[in-house]
């Protein structure tokens, strides 16, 4: 293995793997930039679509109230006659 840094038999005169790390040298790409743009879009959308203080968002009901028909008058029962003894 030519580039194995864990190999104990490697040439010690060549570069140090910790000083010249390829991952540090190449950077992290566009990931952090895309994450910051996404966060900015979400926060901007929250500000844009949030209700402002000068207008009130309440539910309104403009329909007329429904009234039930009056119940029919109850006719009194016929008078009861006591039986004769």
N, C-alpha and C. Protein backbone atom coordinates (compact mmCIF):
# COMPACT_ATOMS: atom_id res chain seq x y z
N UNK A 1 0.85 -1.17 0.00
CA UNK A 1 0.00 0.00 0.00
C UNK A 1 0.89 1.23 0.00
N UNK A 2 0.70 2.02 -1.03
CA UNK A 2 1.61 3.14 -1.20
C UNK A 2 1.26 4.33 -0.31
N UNK A 3 -0.01 4.63 -0.16
CA UNK A 3 -0.39 5.83 0.57
C UNK A 3 -1.05 5.54 1.91
N UNK A 4 -0.83 4.40 2.48
CA UNK A 4 -1.45 4.06 3.76
C UNK A 4 -0.66 4.73 4.88
N UNK A 5 -1.27 5.69 5.56
CA UNK A 5 -0.59 6.41 6.62
C UNK A 5 -0.48 5.58 7.90
N UNK A 6 -1.23 4.52 7.99
CA UNK A 6 -1.16 3.67 9.18
C UNK A 6 -0.06 2.61 9.07
N UNK A 7 0.55 2.52 7.93
CA UNK A 7 1.60 1.53 7.71
C UNK A 7 2.85 1.92 8.48
N UNK A 8 3.32 1.04 9.35
CA UNK A 8 4.51 1.34 10.16
C UNK A 8 5.79 1.31 9.34
N UNK A 9 5.77 0.67 8.18
CA UNK A 9 6.97 0.55 7.37
C UNK A 9 7.05 1.62 6.28
N UNK A 10 6.25 2.66 6.38
CA UNK A 10 6.27 3.69 5.36
C UNK A 10 7.53 4.55 5.51
N UNK A 11 7.77 5.31 4.50
CA UNK A 11 8.94 6.17 4.49
C UNK A 11 8.66 7.35 5.43
N UNK A 12 9.44 7.49 6.48
CA UNK A 12 9.20 8.54 7.47
C UNK A 12 9.69 9.90 6.99
N UNK A 13 10.44 9.94 5.90
CA UNK A 13 10.95 11.21 5.40
C UNK A 13 9.93 11.98 4.58
N UNK A 14 8.83 11.36 4.24
CA UNK A 14 7.86 12.07 3.40
C UNK A 14 6.93 12.91 4.26
N UNK A 15 5.94 13.49 3.69
CA UNK A 15 5.06 14.44 4.36
C UNK A 15 4.35 13.81 5.56
N UNK A 16 4.00 14.66 6.51
CA UNK A 16 3.26 14.22 7.67
C UNK A 16 1.77 14.24 7.33
N UNK A 17 1.07 13.17 7.65
CA UNK A 17 -0.35 13.05 7.29
C UNK A 17 -1.22 14.04 8.05
N UNK A 18 -0.79 14.46 9.24
CA UNK A 18 -1.60 15.36 10.03
C UNK A 18 -1.42 16.82 9.62
N UNK A 19 -0.30 17.16 9.04
CA UNK A 19 -0.06 18.54 8.61
C UNK A 19 -0.71 18.78 7.25
N UNK A 20 -0.57 17.86 6.34
CA UNK A 20 -1.09 18.03 4.99
C UNK A 20 -2.30 17.11 4.80
N UNK A 21 -3.38 17.45 5.48
CA UNK A 21 -4.57 16.63 5.41
C UNK A 21 -5.40 17.07 4.20
N UNK A 22 -5.78 16.14 3.36
CA UNK A 22 -6.51 16.46 2.14
C UNK A 22 -7.91 17.02 2.46
N UNK A 23 -8.53 16.53 3.51
CA UNK A 23 -9.87 17.00 3.85
C UNK A 23 -9.85 18.46 4.30
N UNK A 24 -8.83 18.88 5.01
CA UNK A 24 -8.71 20.27 5.42
C UNK A 24 -8.31 21.15 4.26
N UNK A 25 -7.52 20.65 3.37
CA UNK A 25 -7.03 21.44 2.26
C UNK A 25 -8.14 21.71 1.25
N UNK A 26 -9.04 20.75 1.02
CA UNK A 26 -10.05 20.91 0.00
C UNK A 26 -11.26 21.69 0.48
N UNK A 27 -11.46 21.85 1.75
CA UNK A 27 -12.62 22.58 2.26
C UNK A 27 -13.85 21.70 2.35
N UNK A 28 -14.95 22.31 2.74
CA UNK A 28 -16.16 21.53 2.96
C UNK A 28 -17.17 21.70 1.84
N UNK A 29 -16.87 22.44 0.81
CA UNK A 29 -17.77 22.56 -0.33
C UNK A 29 -18.86 23.59 -0.10
N UNK A 30 -20.00 23.35 -0.73
CA UNK A 30 -21.10 24.31 -0.67
C UNK A 30 -22.13 23.97 0.41
N UNK A 31 -21.88 22.96 1.21
CA UNK A 31 -22.85 22.56 2.23
C UNK A 31 -23.20 23.65 3.21
N UNK A 32 -22.25 24.31 3.85
CA UNK A 32 -22.59 25.39 4.79
C UNK A 32 -23.27 26.57 4.12
N UNK A 33 -22.90 26.88 2.90
CA UNK A 33 -23.52 28.00 2.20
C UNK A 33 -24.98 27.67 1.90
N UNK A 34 -25.26 26.47 1.46
CA UNK A 34 -26.63 26.07 1.16
C UNK A 34 -27.46 26.04 2.44
N UNK A 35 -26.87 25.59 3.55
CA UNK A 35 -27.59 25.56 4.82
C UNK A 35 -27.94 26.99 5.28
N UNK A 36 -27.01 27.92 5.14
CA UNK A 36 -27.29 29.31 5.52
C UNK A 36 -28.37 29.94 4.64
N UNK A 37 -28.35 29.64 3.36
CA UNK A 37 -29.38 30.17 2.46
C UNK A 37 -30.75 29.60 2.83
N UNK A 38 -30.80 28.31 3.14
CA UNK A 38 -32.07 27.69 3.53
C UNK A 38 -32.60 28.29 4.82
N UNK A 39 -31.73 28.52 5.78
CA UNK A 39 -32.15 29.13 7.05
C UNK A 39 -32.66 30.56 6.80
N UNK A 40 -31.97 31.30 5.96
CA UNK A 40 -32.41 32.67 5.65
C UNK A 40 -33.77 32.67 4.96
N UNK A 41 -34.01 31.73 4.07
CA UNK A 41 -35.31 31.65 3.39
C UNK A 41 -36.44 31.30 4.35
N UNK A 42 -36.17 30.39 5.27
CA UNK A 42 -37.21 30.01 6.24
C UNK A 42 -37.54 31.18 7.15
N UNK A 43 -36.52 31.85 7.67
CA UNK A 43 -36.76 32.99 8.57
C UNK A 43 -37.43 34.14 7.80
N UNK A 44 -37.01 34.39 6.58
CA UNK A 44 -37.65 35.42 5.78
C UNK A 44 -39.11 35.10 5.49
N UNK A 45 -39.41 33.84 5.22
CA UNK A 45 -40.80 33.44 5.00
C UNK A 45 -41.63 33.60 6.25
N UNK A 46 -41.06 33.32 7.41
CA UNK A 46 -41.80 33.51 8.65
C UNK A 46 -42.11 34.98 8.88
N UNK A 47 -41.17 35.86 8.58
CA UNK A 47 -41.43 37.30 8.72
C UNK A 47 -42.44 37.79 7.68
N UNK A 48 -42.34 37.28 6.48
CA UNK A 48 -43.21 37.77 5.42
C UNK A 48 -44.67 37.34 5.63
N UNK A 49 -44.90 36.13 6.07
CA UNK A 49 -46.26 35.62 6.19
C UNK A 49 -46.81 35.67 7.61
N UNK A 50 -46.11 36.29 8.52
CA UNK A 50 -46.63 36.41 9.88
C UNK A 50 -47.62 37.57 9.95
N UNK A 51 -48.61 37.49 10.83
CA UNK A 51 -49.56 38.60 10.92
C UNK A 51 -48.89 39.82 11.53
N UNK A 52 -49.20 40.98 10.97
CA UNK A 52 -48.61 42.21 11.49
C UNK A 52 -49.49 42.75 12.60
N UNK A 53 -49.00 43.74 13.33
CA UNK A 53 -49.71 44.27 14.48
C UNK A 53 -50.86 45.19 14.13
N UNK A 54 -50.89 45.79 12.93
CA UNK A 54 -51.92 46.77 12.62
C UNK A 54 -53.21 46.15 12.09
N UNK A 55 -53.19 44.93 11.67
CA UNK A 55 -54.42 44.30 11.21
C UNK A 55 -54.73 43.10 12.09
N UNK A 56 -55.99 42.92 12.30
CA UNK A 56 -56.43 41.84 13.17
C UNK A 56 -57.02 40.74 12.32
N UNK A 57 -56.62 39.54 12.57
CA UNK A 57 -57.15 38.40 11.85
C UNK A 57 -58.07 37.64 12.78
N UNK A 58 -59.36 37.92 12.64
CA UNK A 58 -60.34 37.21 13.46
C UNK A 58 -61.39 36.62 12.55
N UNK A 59 -62.05 35.64 13.02
CA UNK A 59 -63.12 35.02 12.25
C UNK A 59 -64.38 35.86 12.40
N UNK A 60 -65.12 35.99 11.31
CA UNK A 60 -66.37 36.73 11.35
C UNK A 60 -67.49 35.81 10.89
N UNK A 61 -68.68 36.11 11.39
CA UNK A 61 -69.85 35.33 11.01
C UNK A 61 -70.95 36.32 10.67
N UNK A 62 -71.22 36.50 9.39
CA UNK A 62 -72.22 37.46 8.95
C UNK A 62 -73.55 36.80 8.61
N UNK A 63 -73.70 35.55 8.87
CA UNK A 63 -74.95 34.87 8.54
C UNK A 63 -75.99 35.17 9.62
N UNK A 64 -77.27 35.27 9.25
CA UNK A 64 -78.29 35.54 10.26
C UNK A 64 -78.46 34.33 11.19
N UNK A 65 -78.88 34.62 12.37
CA UNK A 65 -79.05 33.56 13.35
C UNK A 65 -80.24 32.69 12.95
N UNK A 66 -80.11 31.42 13.15
CA UNK A 66 -81.18 30.48 12.84
C UNK A 66 -82.10 30.40 14.04
N UNK A 67 -83.39 30.65 13.80
CA UNK A 67 -84.36 30.56 14.90
C UNK A 67 -85.23 29.34 14.68
N UNK A 68 -85.50 28.66 15.74
CA UNK A 68 -86.36 27.48 15.69
C UNK A 68 -87.82 27.93 15.70
N UNK A 69 -88.68 27.21 15.02
CA UNK A 69 -90.10 27.60 15.05
C UNK A 69 -90.66 27.42 16.45
N UNK A 70 -91.63 28.25 16.77
CA UNK A 70 -92.24 28.19 18.10
C UNK A 70 -92.99 26.86 18.24
N UNK A 71 -92.93 26.26 19.41
CA UNK A 71 -93.63 24.99 19.58
C UNK A 71 -95.15 25.20 19.53
N UNK A 72 -95.85 24.19 19.09
CA UNK A 72 -97.31 24.26 19.00
C UNK A 72 -97.88 24.35 20.42
N UNK A 73 -98.97 25.12 20.59
CA UNK A 73 -99.54 25.22 21.93
C UNK A 73 -100.10 23.88 22.39
N UNK A 74 -99.92 23.64 23.64
CA UNK A 74 -100.39 22.37 24.21
C UNK A 74 -101.83 22.54 24.64
N UNK A 75 -102.70 21.66 24.19
CA UNK A 75 -104.10 21.71 24.61
C UNK A 75 -104.23 21.08 25.98
N UNK A 76 -104.99 21.72 26.87
CA UNK A 76 -105.11 21.14 28.21
C UNK A 76 -105.91 19.84 28.16
N UNK A 77 -105.61 18.93 29.03
CA UNK A 77 -106.35 17.66 29.02
C UNK A 77 -107.81 17.89 29.48
N UNK A 78 -108.73 17.03 29.06
CA UNK A 78 -110.13 17.21 29.50
C UNK A 78 -110.23 17.04 31.01
N UNK A 79 -111.18 17.74 31.63
CA UNK A 79 -111.30 17.62 33.09
C UNK A 79 -111.74 16.20 33.49
N UNK A 80 -111.14 15.77 34.53
CA UNK A 80 -111.48 14.42 35.02
C UNK A 80 -112.66 14.51 35.97
N UNK A 81 -113.59 13.58 35.86
CA UNK A 81 -114.76 13.53 36.73
C UNK A 81 -114.56 12.40 37.73
N UNK A 82 -114.74 12.74 38.96
CA UNK A 82 -114.58 11.73 40.01
C UNK A 82 -115.75 10.73 39.91
N UNK A 83 -115.47 9.45 40.12
CA UNK A 83 -116.57 8.47 40.06
C UNK A 83 -117.56 8.64 41.23
N UNK A 84 -118.82 8.33 40.97
CA UNK A 84 -119.85 8.44 42.00
C UNK A 84 -119.86 7.17 42.83
N UNK A 85 -120.14 7.36 44.10
CA UNK A 85 -120.18 6.17 44.96
C UNK A 85 -121.55 5.75 45.28
